[in-house]
ModelCIF file with pLDDT and N, C-alpha, C, O atoms, coordinates in Angstrom:
data_MODEL
#
_entry.id   MODEL 
#
_entity.id                         1 
_entity.type                       polymer 
_entity.pdbx_number_of_molecules   1 
#
_entity_poly.entity_id                      1 
_entity_poly.type                           'polypeptide(L)' 
_entity_poly.nstd_linkage                   no 
_entity_poly.nstd_monomer                   no 
_entity_poly.pdbx_seq_one_letter_code       DANTTYADSVKGRFTISKDNAKNTLYLQMNNLKPEDTAMYYCAADRG 
_entity_poly.pdbx_seq_one_letter_code_can   DANTTYADSVKGRFTISKDNAKNTLYLQMNNLKPEDTAMYYCAADRG 
_entity_poly.pdbx_strand_id                 A 
#
loop_
_entity_poly_seq.entity_id 
_entity_poly_seq.num 
_entity_poly_seq.mon_id 
_entity_poly_seq.hetero 
1 1  ASP n 
1 2  ALA n 
1 3  ASN n 
1 4  THR n 
1 5  THR n 
1 6  TYR n 
1 7  ALA n 
1 8  ASP n 
1 9  SER n 
1 10 VAL n 
1 11 LYS n 
1 12 GLY n 
1 13 ARG n 
1 14 PHE n 
1 15 THR n 
1 16 ILE n 
1 17 SER n 
1 18 LYS n 
1 19 ASP n 
1 20 ASN n 
1 21 ALA n 
1 22 LYS n 
1 23 ASN n 
1 24 THR n 
1 25 LEU n 
1 26 TYR n 
1 27 LEU n 
1 28 GLN n 
1 29 MET n 
1 30 ASN n 
1 31 ASN n 
1 32 LEU n 
1 33 LYS n 
1 34 PRO n 
1 35 GLU n 
1 36 ASP n 
1 37 THR n 
1 38 ALA n 
1 39 MET n 
1 40 TYR n 
1 41 TYR n 
1 42 CYS n 
1 43 ALA n 
1 44 ALA n 
1 45 ASP n 
1 46 ARG n 
1 47 GLY n 
#
_struct_asym.id          A 
_struct_asym.entity_id   1 
#
loop_
_ma_qa_metric.id 
_ma_qa_metric.mode 
_ma_qa_metric.name 
_ma_qa_metric.software_group_id 
_ma_qa_metric.type 
1 global pLDDT . pLDDT 
2 local  pLDDT . pLDDT 
#
_ma_qa_metric_global.metric_id      1 
_ma_qa_metric_global.metric_value   95.04 
_ma_qa_metric_global.model_id       1 
_ma_qa_metric_global.ordinal_id     1 
#
loop_
_ma_qa_metric_local.label_asym_id 
_ma_qa_metric_local.label_comp_id 
_ma_qa_metric_local.label_seq_id 
_ma_qa_metric_local.metric_id 
_ma_qa_metric_local.metric_value 
_ma_qa_metric_local.model_id 
_ma_qa_metric_local.ordinal_id 
A ASP 1  2 67.00 1 1  
A ALA 2  2 77.00 1 2  
A ASN 3  2 90.00 1 3  
A THR 4  2 95.00 1 4  
A THR 5  2 95.00 1 5  
A TYR 6  2 97.00 1 6  
A ALA 7  2 97.00 1 7  
A ASP 8  2 98.00 1 8  
A SER 9  2 97.00 1 9  
A VAL 10 2 98.00 1 10 
A LYS 11 2 97.00 1 11 
A GLY 12 2 97.00 1 12 
A ARG 13 2 98.00 1 13 
A PHE 14 2 98.00 1 14 
A THR 15 2 98.00 1 15 
A ILE 16 2 97.00 1 16 
A SER 17 2 95.00 1 17 
A LYS 18 2 93.00 1 18 
A ASP 19 2 92.00 1 19 
A ASN 20 2 87.00 1 20 
A ALA 21 2 90.00 1 21 
A LYS 22 2 94.00 1 22 
A ASN 23 2 93.00 1 23 
A THR 24 2 95.00 1 24 
A LEU 25 2 96.00 1 25 
A TYR 26 2 97.00 1 26 
A LEU 27 2 98.00 1 27 
A GLN 28 2 98.00 1 28 
A MET 29 2 98.00 1 29 
A ASN 30 2 98.00 1 30 
A ASN 31 2 98.00 1 31 
A LEU 32 2 98.00 1 32 
A LYS 33 2 98.00 1 33 
A PRO 34 2 98.00 1 34 
A GLU 35 2 97.00 1 35 
A ASP 36 2 98.00 1 36 
A THR 37 2 98.00 1 37 
A ALA 38 2 98.00 1 38 
A MET 39 2 98.00 1 39 
A TYR 40 2 98.00 1 40 
A TYR 41 2 98.00 1 41 
A CYS 42 2 98.00 1 42 
A ALA 43 2 97.00 1 43 
A ALA 44 2 96.00 1 44 
A ASP 45 2 95.00 1 45 
A ARG 46 2 93.00 1 46 
A GLY 47 2 91.00 1 47 
#
loop_
_atom_site.group_PDB 
_atom_site.id 
_atom_site.type_symbol 
_atom_site.label_atom_id 
_atom_site.label_alt_id 
_atom_site.label_comp_id 
_atom_site.label_asym_id 
_atom_site.label_entity_id 
_atom_site.label_seq_id 
_atom_site.pdbx_PDB_ins_code 
_atom_site.Cartn_x 
_atom_site.Cartn_y 
_atom_site.Cartn_z 
_atom_site.occupancy 
_atom_site.B_iso_or_equiv 
_atom_site.pdbx_formal_charge 
_atom_site.auth_seq_id 
_atom_site.auth_comp_id 
_atom_site.auth_asym_id 
_atom_site.auth_atom_id 
_atom_site.pdbx_PDB_model_num 
ATOM 1   N N  . ASP A 1 1  ? -241.133 53.249 100.503 1.00 67.00 ? 1  ASP A N  1 
ATOM 2   C CA . ASP A 1 1  ? -241.916 51.959 100.254 1.00 67.00 ? 1  ASP A CA 1 
ATOM 3   C C  . ASP A 1 1  ? -242.985 52.254 99.243  1.00 67.00 ? 1  ASP A C  1 
ATOM 4   O O  . ASP A 1 1  ? -244.164 51.919 99.363  1.00 67.00 ? 1  ASP A O  1 
ATOM 5   N N  . ALA A 1 2  ? -242.459 52.917 98.228  1.00 77.00 ? 2  ALA A N  1 
ATOM 6   C CA . ALA A 1 2  ? -243.349 53.216 96.958  1.00 77.00 ? 2  ALA A CA 1 
ATOM 7   C C  . ALA A 1 2  ? -244.744 53.823 97.458  1.00 77.00 ? 2  ALA A C  1 
ATOM 8   O O  . ALA A 1 2  ? -245.786 53.444 96.923  1.00 77.00 ? 2  ALA A O  1 
ATOM 9   N N  . ASN A 1 3  ? -244.753 54.687 98.400  1.00 90.00 ? 3  ASN A N  1 
ATOM 10  C CA . ASN A 1 3  ? -245.968 55.267 98.825  1.00 90.00 ? 3  ASN A CA 1 
ATOM 11  C C  . ASN A 1 3  ? -246.642 56.047 97.795  1.00 90.00 ? 3  ASN A C  1 
ATOM 12  O O  . ASN A 1 3  ? -245.995 56.806 97.074  1.00 90.00 ? 3  ASN A O  1 
ATOM 13  N N  . THR A 1 4  ? -247.927 55.905 97.680  1.00 95.00 ? 4  THR A N  1 
ATOM 14  C CA . THR A 1 4  ? -248.655 56.634 96.690  1.00 95.00 ? 4  THR A CA 1 
ATOM 15  C C  . THR A 1 4  ? -249.781 57.312 97.168  1.00 95.00 ? 4  THR A C  1 
ATOM 16  O O  . THR A 1 4  ? -250.401 56.803 98.101  1.00 95.00 ? 4  THR A O  1 
ATOM 17  N N  . THR A 1 5  ? -250.184 58.461 96.650  1.00 95.00 ? 5  THR A N  1 
ATOM 18  C CA . THR A 1 5  ? -251.320 59.237 97.004  1.00 95.00 ? 5  THR A CA 1 
ATOM 19  C C  . THR A 1 5  ? -252.024 59.726 95.817  1.00 95.00 ? 5  THR A C  1 
ATOM 20  O O  . THR A 1 5  ? -251.379 60.060 94.823  1.00 95.00 ? 5  THR A O  1 
ATOM 21  N N  . TYR A 1 6  ? -253.488 59.802 95.855  1.00 97.00 ? 6  TYR A N  1 
ATOM 22  C CA . TYR A 1 6  ? -254.186 60.186 94.831  1.00 97.00 ? 6  TYR A CA 1 
ATOM 23  C C  . TYR A 1 6  ? -255.192 61.276 95.182  1.00 97.00 ? 6  TYR A C  1 
ATOM 24  O O  . TYR A 1 6  ? -255.697 61.338 96.303  1.00 97.00 ? 6  TYR A O  1 
ATOM 25  N N  . ALA A 1 7  ? -255.454 62.073 94.270  1.00 97.00 ? 7  ALA A N  1 
ATOM 26  C CA . ALA A 1 7  ? -256.625 63.096 94.353  1.00 97.00 ? 7  ALA A CA 1 
ATOM 27  C C  . ALA A 1 7  ? -257.909 62.227 94.457  1.00 97.00 ? 7  ALA A C  1 
ATOM 28  O O  . ALA A 1 7  ? -258.116 61.214 93.789  1.00 97.00 ? 7  ALA A O  1 
ATOM 29  N N  . ASP A 1 8  ? -258.760 62.773 95.405  1.00 98.00 ? 8  ASP A N  1 
ATOM 30  C CA . ASP A 1 8  ? -260.107 62.116 95.597  1.00 98.00 ? 8  ASP A CA 1 
ATOM 31  C C  . ASP A 1 8  ? -260.766 61.802 94.264  1.00 98.00 ? 8  ASP A C  1 
ATOM 32  O O  . ASP A 1 8  ? -261.393 60.754 94.102  1.00 98.00 ? 8  ASP A O  1 
ATOM 33  N N  . SER A 1 9  ? -260.617 62.744 93.282  1.00 97.00 ? 9  SER A N  1 
ATOM 34  C CA . SER A 1 9  ? -261.399 62.689 92.054  1.00 97.00 ? 9  SER A CA 1 
ATOM 35  C C  . SER A 1 9  ? -260.966 61.461 91.194  1.00 97.00 ? 9  SER A C  1 
ATOM 36  O O  . SER A 1 9  ? -261.755 61.039 90.348  1.00 97.00 ? 9  SER A O  1 
ATOM 37  N N  . VAL A 1 10 ? -259.719 60.851 91.372  1.00 98.00 ? 10 VAL A N  1 
ATOM 38  C CA . VAL A 1 10 ? -259.272 59.852 90.614  1.00 98.00 ? 10 VAL A CA 1 
ATOM 39  C C  . VAL A 1 10 ? -258.962 58.445 91.301  1.00 98.00 ? 10 VAL A C  1 
ATOM 40  O O  . VAL A 1 10 ? -258.536 57.453 90.710  1.00 98.00 ? 10 VAL A O  1 
ATOM 41  N N  . LYS A 1 11 ? -259.251 58.544 92.630  1.00 97.00 ? 11 LYS A N  1 
ATOM 42  C CA . LYS A 1 11 ? -259.074 57.331 93.367  1.00 97.00 ? 11 LYS A CA 1 
ATOM 43  C C  . LYS A 1 11 ? -259.887 56.178 92.947  1.00 97.00 ? 11 LYS A C  1 
ATOM 44  O O  . LYS A 1 11 ? -261.107 56.284 92.822  1.00 97.00 ? 11 LYS A O  1 
ATOM 45  N N  . GLY A 1 12 ? -259.220 55.021 92.714  1.00 97.00 ? 12 GLY A N  1 
ATOM 46  C CA . GLY A 1 12 ? -259.822 53.806 92.180  1.00 97.00 ? 12 GLY A CA 1 
ATOM 47  C C  . GLY A 1 12 ? -259.960 53.763 90.681  1.00 97.00 ? 12 GLY A C  1 
ATOM 48  O O  . GLY A 1 12 ? -260.442 52.778 90.122  1.00 97.00 ? 12 GLY A O  1 
ATOM 49  N N  . ARG A 1 13 ? -259.529 54.851 90.012  1.00 98.00 ? 13 ARG A N  1 
ATOM 50  C CA . ARG A 1 13 ? -259.513 54.827 88.505  1.00 98.00 ? 13 ARG A CA 1 
ATOM 51  C C  . ARG A 1 13 ? -258.087 55.045 88.000  1.00 98.00 ? 13 ARG A C  1 
ATOM 52  O O  . ARG A 1 13 ? -257.770 54.476 86.955  1.00 98.00 ? 13 ARG A O  1 
ATOM 53  N N  . PHE A 1 14 ? -257.138 55.859 88.675  1.00 98.00 ? 14 PHE A N  1 
ATOM 54  C CA . PHE A 1 14 ? -255.889 56.077 88.322  1.00 98.00 ? 14 PHE A CA 1 
ATOM 55  C C  . PHE A 1 14 ? -254.814 55.345 89.099  1.00 98.00 ? 14 PHE A C  1 
ATOM 56  O O  . PHE A 1 14 ? -255.017 55.162 90.300  1.00 98.00 ? 14 PHE A O  1 
ATOM 57  N N  . THR A 1 15 ? -253.725 54.919 88.563  1.00 98.00 ? 15 THR A N  1 
ATOM 58  C CA . THR A 1 15 ? -252.677 54.214 89.223  1.00 98.00 ? 15 THR A CA 1 
ATOM 59  C C  . THR A 1 15 ? -251.391 54.803 88.761  1.00 98.00 ? 15 THR A C  1 
ATOM 60  O O  . THR A 1 15 ? -251.124 54.878 87.561  1.00 98.00 ? 15 THR A O  1 
ATOM 61  N N  . ILE A 1 16 ? -250.565 55.234 89.728  1.00 97.00 ? 16 ILE A N  1 
ATOM 62  C CA . ILE A 1 16 ? -249.238 55.778 89.453  1.00 97.00 ? 16 ILE A CA 1 
ATOM 63  C C  . ILE A 1 16 ? -248.231 54.665 89.798  1.00 97.00 ? 16 ILE A C  1 
ATOM 64  O O  . ILE A 1 16 ? -248.369 53.950 90.791  1.00 97.00 ? 16 ILE A O  1 
ATOM 65  N N  . SER A 1 17 ? -247.290 54.564 88.994  1.00 95.00 ? 17 SER A N  1 
ATOM 66  C CA . SER A 1 17 ? -246.191 53.522 89.225  1.00 95.00 ? 17 SER A CA 1 
ATOM 67  C C  . SER A 1 17 ? -244.974 53.971 88.518  1.00 95.00 ? 17 SER A C  1 
ATOM 68  O O  . SER A 1 17 ? -245.018 54.865 87.673  1.00 95.00 ? 17 SER A O  1 
ATOM 69  N N  . LYS A 1 18 ? -243.894 53.363 88.855  1.00 93.00 ? 18 LYS A N  1 
ATOM 70  C CA . LYS A 1 18 ? -242.659 53.653 88.118  1.00 93.00 ? 18 LYS A CA 1 
ATOM 71  C C  . LYS A 1 18 ? -241.734 52.353 87.966  1.00 93.00 ? 18 LYS A C  1 
ATOM 72  O O  . LYS A 1 18 ? -241.746 51.424 88.774  1.00 93.00 ? 18 LYS A O  1 
ATOM 73  N N  . ASP A 1 19 ? -241.038 52.407 86.972  1.00 92.00 ? 19 ASP A N  1 
ATOM 74  C CA . ASP A 1 19 ? -240.054 51.249 86.633  1.00 92.00 ? 19 ASP A CA 1 
ATOM 75  C C  . ASP A 1 19 ? -238.677 51.860 86.617  1.00 92.00 ? 19 ASP A C  1 
ATOM 76  O O  . ASP A 1 19 ? -238.295 52.567 85.685  1.00 92.00 ? 19 ASP A O  1 
ATOM 77  N N  . ASN A 1 20 ? -237.963 51.578 87.640  1.00 87.00 ? 20 ASN A N  1 
ATOM 78  C CA . ASN A 1 20 ? -236.691 52.187 87.767  1.00 87.00 ? 20 ASN A CA 1 
ATOM 79  C C  . ASN A 1 20 ? -235.688 51.620 86.728  1.00 87.00 ? 20 ASN A C  1 
ATOM 80  O O  . ASN A 1 20 ? -234.776 52.328 86.299  1.00 87.00 ? 20 ASN A O  1 
ATOM 81  N N  . ALA A 1 21 ? -235.867 50.322 86.322  1.00 90.00 ? 21 ALA A N  1 
ATOM 82  C CA . ALA A 1 21 ? -234.990 49.808 85.377  1.00 90.00 ? 21 ALA A CA 1 
ATOM 83  C C  . ALA A 1 21 ? -235.116 50.488 83.917  1.00 90.00 ? 21 ALA A C  1 
ATOM 84  O O  . ALA A 1 21 ? -234.175 50.566 83.126  1.00 90.00 ? 21 ALA A O  1 
ATOM 85  N N  . LYS A 1 22 ? -236.383 50.955 83.689  1.00 94.00 ? 22 LYS A N  1 
ATOM 86  C CA . LYS A 1 22 ? -236.699 51.581 82.442  1.00 94.00 ? 22 LYS A CA 1 
ATOM 87  C C  . LYS A 1 22 ? -236.698 53.088 82.612  1.00 94.00 ? 22 LYS A C  1 
ATOM 88  O O  . LYS A 1 22 ? -237.046 53.790 81.662  1.00 94.00 ? 22 LYS A O  1 
ATOM 89  N N  . ASN A 1 23 ? -236.354 53.588 83.679  1.00 93.00 ? 23 ASN A N  1 
ATOM 90  C CA . ASN A 1 23 ? -236.417 55.137 83.954  1.00 93.00 ? 23 ASN A CA 1 
ATOM 91  C C  . ASN A 1 23 ? -237.694 55.642 83.466  1.00 93.00 ? 23 ASN A C  1 
ATOM 92  O O  . ASN A 1 23 ? -237.656 56.584 82.675  1.00 93.00 ? 23 ASN A O  1 
ATOM 93  N N  . THR A 1 24 ? -238.845 55.147 83.827  1.00 95.00 ? 24 THR A N  1 
ATOM 94  C CA . THR A 1 24 ? -240.173 55.560 83.374  1.00 95.00 ? 24 THR A CA 1 
ATOM 95  C C  . THR A 1 24 ? -241.103 55.631 84.576  1.00 95.00 ? 24 THR A C  1 
ATOM 96  O O  . THR A 1 24 ? -241.114 54.783 85.468  1.00 95.00 ? 24 THR A O  1 
ATOM 97  N N  . LEU A 1 25 ? -241.880 56.702 84.534  1.00 96.00 ? 25 LEU A N  1 
ATOM 98  C CA . LEU A 1 25 ? -242.989 56.802 85.398  1.00 96.00 ? 25 LEU A CA 1 
ATOM 99  C C  . LEU A 1 25 ? -244.321 56.623 84.619  1.00 96.00 ? 25 LEU A C  1 
ATOM 100 O O  . LEU A 1 25 ? -244.412 57.081 83.480  1.00 96.00 ? 25 LEU A O  1 
ATOM 101 N N  . TYR A 1 26 ? -245.311 55.999 85.178  1.00 97.00 ? 26 TYR A N  1 
ATOM 102 C CA . TYR A 1 26 ? -246.449 55.730 84.442  1.00 97.00 ? 26 TYR A CA 1 
ATOM 103 C C  . TYR A 1 26 ? -247.687 56.230 85.248  1.00 97.00 ? 26 TYR A C  1 
ATOM 104 O O  . TYR A 1 26 ? -247.678 56.283 86.477  1.00 97.00 ? 26 TYR A O  1 
ATOM 105 N N  . LEU A 1 27 ? -248.744 56.590 84.485  1.00 98.00 ? 27 LEU A N  1 
ATOM 106 C CA . LEU A 1 27 ? -250.078 56.878 85.042  1.00 98.00 ? 27 LEU A CA 1 
ATOM 107 C C  . LEU A 1 27 ? -251.115 56.090 84.284  1.00 98.00 ? 27 LEU A C  1 
ATOM 108 O O  . LEU A 1 27 ? -251.486 56.458 83.170  1.00 98.00 ? 27 LEU A O  1 
ATOM 109 N N  . GLN A 1 28 ? -251.563 55.070 84.842  1.00 98.00 ? 28 GLN A N  1 
ATOM 110 C CA . GLN A 1 28 ? -252.622 54.270 84.173  1.00 98.00 ? 28 GLN A CA 1 
ATOM 111 C C  . GLN A 1 28 ? -254.011 54.876 84.567  1.00 98.00 ? 28 GLN A C  1 
ATOM 112 O O  . GLN A 1 28 ? -254.383 54.964 85.737  1.00 98.00 ? 28 GLN A O  1 
ATOM 113 N N  . MET A 1 29 ? -254.664 55.242 83.606  1.00 98.00 ? 29 MET A N  1 
ATOM 114 C CA . MET A 1 29 ? -255.997 55.954 83.801  1.00 98.00 ? 29 MET A CA 1 
ATOM 115 C C  . MET A 1 29 ? -257.105 55.072 83.151  1.00 98.00 ? 29 MET A C  1 
ATOM 116 O O  . MET A 1 29 ? -257.100 54.859 81.939  1.00 98.00 ? 29 MET A O  1 
ATOM 117 N N  . ASN A 1 30 ? -257.993 54.598 83.931  1.00 98.00 ? 30 ASN A N  1 
ATOM 118 C CA . ASN A 1 30 ? -259.014 53.802 83.543  1.00 98.00 ? 30 ASN A CA 1 
ATOM 119 C C  . ASN A 1 30 ? -260.387 54.585 83.911  1.00 98.00 ? 30 ASN A C  1 
ATOM 120 O O  . ASN A 1 30 ? -260.432 55.500 84.733  1.00 98.00 ? 30 ASN A O  1 
ATOM 121 N N  . ASN A 1 31 ? -261.426 54.128 83.232  1.00 98.00 ? 31 ASN A N  1 
ATOM 122 C CA . ASN A 1 31 ? -262.835 54.726 83.380  1.00 98.00 ? 31 ASN A CA 1 
ATOM 123 C C  . ASN A 1 31 ? -262.695 56.168 83.240  1.00 98.00 ? 31 ASN A C  1 
ATOM 124 O O  . ASN A 1 31 ? -263.193 56.881 84.111  1.00 98.00 ? 31 ASN A O  1 
ATOM 125 N N  . LEU A 1 32 ? -262.056 56.710 82.214  1.00 98.00 ? 32 LEU A N  1 
ATOM 126 C CA . LEU A 1 32 ? -261.917 58.125 82.106  1.00 98.00 ? 32 LEU A CA 1 
ATOM 127 C C  . LEU A 1 32 ? -263.228 58.857 81.908  1.00 98.00 ? 32 LEU A C  1 
ATOM 128 O O  . LEU A 1 32 ? -264.177 58.384 81.283  1.00 98.00 ? 32 LEU A O  1 
ATOM 129 N N  . LYS A 1 33 ? -263.208 60.062 82.493  1.00 98.00 ? 33 LYS A N  1 
ATOM 130 C CA . LYS A 1 33 ? -264.510 60.930 82.506  1.00 98.00 ? 33 LYS A CA 1 
ATOM 131 C C  . LYS A 1 33 ? -264.116 62.231 81.749  1.00 98.00 ? 33 LYS A C  1 
ATOM 132 O O  . LYS A 1 33 ? -262.957 62.642 81.693  1.00 98.00 ? 33 LYS A O  1 
ATOM 133 N N  . PRO A 1 34 ? -265.138 62.814 81.196  1.00 98.00 ? 34 PRO A N  1 
ATOM 134 C CA . PRO A 1 34 ? -264.936 64.170 80.532  1.00 98.00 ? 34 PRO A CA 1 
ATOM 135 C C  . PRO A 1 34 ? -264.105 65.221 81.389  1.00 98.00 ? 34 PRO A C  1 
ATOM 136 O O  . PRO A 1 34 ? -263.279 65.991 80.898  1.00 98.00 ? 34 PRO A O  1 
ATOM 137 N N  . GLU A 1 35 ? -264.436 65.150 82.734  1.00 97.00 ? 35 GLU A N  1 
ATOM 138 C CA . GLU A 1 35 ? -263.761 66.092 83.605  1.00 97.00 ? 35 GLU A CA 1 
ATOM 139 C C  . GLU A 1 35 ? -262.267 65.779 83.719  1.00 97.00 ? 35 GLU A C  1 
ATOM 140 O O  . GLU A 1 35 ? -261.495 66.585 84.239  1.00 97.00 ? 35 GLU A O  1 
ATOM 141 N N  . ASP A 1 36 ? -261.865 64.599 83.228  1.00 98.00 ? 36 ASP A N  1 
ATOM 142 C CA . ASP A 1 36 ? -260.403 64.257 83.320  1.00 98.00 ? 36 ASP A CA 1 
ATOM 143 C C  . ASP A 1 36 ? -259.631 65.019 82.247  1.00 98.00 ? 36 ASP A C  1 
ATOM 144 O O  . ASP A 1 36 ? -258.402 65.068 82.305  1.00 98.00 ? 36 ASP A O  1 
ATOM 145 N N  . THR A 1 37 ? -260.318 65.616 81.268  1.00 98.00 ? 37 THR A N  1 
ATOM 146 C CA . THR A 1 37 ? -259.728 66.394 80.169  1.00 98.00 ? 37 THR A CA 1 
ATOM 147 C C  . THR A 1 37 ? -258.800 67.435 80.670  1.00 98.00 ? 37 THR A C  1 
ATOM 148 O O  . THR A 1 37 ? -259.209 68.303 81.441  1.00 98.00 ? 37 THR A O  1 
ATOM 149 N N  . ALA A 1 38 ? -257.560 67.389 80.266  1.00 98.00 ? 38 ALA A N  1 
ATOM 150 C CA . ALA A 1 38 ? -256.622 68.335 80.805  1.00 98.00 ? 38 ALA A CA 1 
ATOM 151 C C  . ALA A 1 38 ? -255.215 68.060 80.233  1.00 98.00 ? 38 ALA A C  1 
ATOM 152 O O  . ALA A 1 38 ? -254.993 66.957 79.733  1.00 98.00 ? 38 ALA A O  1 
ATOM 153 N N  . MET A 1 39 ? -254.289 68.969 80.278  1.00 98.00 ? 39 MET A N  1 
ATOM 154 C CA . MET A 1 39 ? -252.902 68.804 80.080  1.00 98.00 ? 39 MET A CA 1 
ATOM 155 C C  . MET A 1 39 ? -252.307 68.073 81.239  1.00 98.00 ? 39 MET A C  1 
ATOM 156 O O  . MET A 1 39 ? -252.424 68.568 82.360  1.00 98.00 ? 39 MET A O  1 
ATOM 157 N N  . TYR A 1 40 ? -251.654 66.891 81.066  1.00 98.00 ? 40 TYR A N  1 
ATOM 158 C CA . TYR A 1 40 ? -251.068 66.188 82.186  1.00 98.00 ? 40 TYR A CA 1 
ATOM 159 C C  . TYR A 1 40 ? -249.490 66.358 82.105  1.00 98.00 ? 40 TYR A C  1 
ATOM 160 O O  . TYR A 1 40 ? -248.789 66.219 81.102  1.00 98.00 ? 40 TYR A O  1 
ATOM 161 N N  . TYR A 1 41 ? -249.136 66.656 83.259  1.00 98.00 ? 41 TYR A N  1 
ATOM 162 C CA . TYR A 1 41 ? -247.593 66.853 83.412  1.00 98.00 ? 41 TYR A CA 1 
ATOM 163 C C  . TYR A 1 41 ? -246.997 65.956 84.466  1.00 98.00 ? 41 TYR A C  1 
ATOM 164 O O  . TYR A 1 41 ? -247.555 65.742 85.543  1.00 98.00 ? 41 TYR A O  1 
ATOM 165 N N  . CYS A 1 42 ? -245.807 65.427 84.099  1.00 98.00 ? 42 CYS A N  1 
ATOM 166 C CA . CYS A 1 42 ? -244.923 64.722 84.989  1.00 98.00 ? 42 CYS A CA 1 
ATOM 167 C C  . CYS A 1 42 ? -244.077 65.740 85.733  1.00 98.00 ? 42 CYS A C  1 
ATOM 168 O O  . CYS A 1 42 ? -243.648 66.765 85.203  1.00 98.00 ? 42 CYS A O  1 
ATOM 169 N N  . ALA A 1 43 ? -243.857 65.378 87.044  1.00 97.00 ? 43 ALA A N  1 
ATOM 170 C CA . ALA A 1 43 ? -243.013 66.221 87.765  1.00 97.00 ? 43 ALA A CA 1 
ATOM 171 C C  . ALA A 1 43 ? -242.138 65.423 88.836  1.00 97.00 ? 43 ALA A C  1 
ATOM 172 O O  . ALA A 1 43 ? -242.532 64.353 89.300  1.00 97.00 ? 43 ALA A O  1 
ATOM 173 N N  . ALA A 1 44 ? -240.997 65.974 89.177  1.00 96.00 ? 44 ALA A N  1 
ATOM 174 C CA . ALA A 1 44 ? -240.137 65.364 90.191  1.00 96.00 ? 44 ALA A CA 1 
ATOM 175 C C  . ALA A 1 44 ? -239.533 66.355 90.994  1.00 96.00 ? 44 ALA A C  1 
ATOM 176 O O  . ALA A 1 44 ? -239.379 67.514 90.609  1.00 96.00 ? 44 ALA A O  1 
ATOM 177 N N  . ASP A 1 45 ? -239.140 65.874 92.243  1.00 95.00 ? 45 ASP A N  1 
ATOM 178 C CA . ASP A 1 45 ? -238.505 66.716 93.234  1.00 95.00 ? 45 ASP A CA 1 
ATOM 179 C C  . ASP A 1 45 ? -237.775 65.798 94.264  1.00 95.00 ? 45 ASP A C  1 
ATOM 180 O O  . ASP A 1 45 ? -238.101 64.639 94.520  1.00 95.00 ? 45 ASP A O  1 
ATOM 181 N N  . ARG A 1 46 ? -236.781 66.463 94.794  1.00 93.00 ? 46 ARG A N  1 
ATOM 182 C CA . ARG A 1 46 ? -235.994 65.729 95.741  1.00 93.00 ? 46 ARG A CA 1 
ATOM 183 C C  . ARG A 1 46 ? -236.623 65.658 97.240  1.00 93.00 ? 46 ARG A C  1 
ATOM 184 O O  . ARG A 1 46 ? -236.211 64.854 98.076  1.00 93.00 ? 46 ARG A O  1 
ATOM 185 N N  . GLY A 1 47 ? -237.556 66.491 97.459  1.00 91.00 ? 47 GLY A N  1 
ATOM 186 C CA . GLY A 1 47 ? -238.202 66.461 98.709  1.00 91.00 ? 47 GLY A CA 1 
ATOM 187 C C  . GLY A 1 47 ? -237.291 66.994 99.760  1.00 91.00 ? 47 GLY A C  1 
ATOM 188 O O  . GLY A 1 47 ? -237.667 67.054 100.931 1.00 91.00 ? 47 GLY A O  1 
#
């Protein structure tokens, strides 16, 4: 059901989504803060 979970530090600011037709995962990041500075990695797993 497209369940999503966020770290407390980004709740309300970041949104994760994916477009299956385009084979793309997204992370929309709004109201960015200096503490958001980092290398961001996409990851996948079968669970």
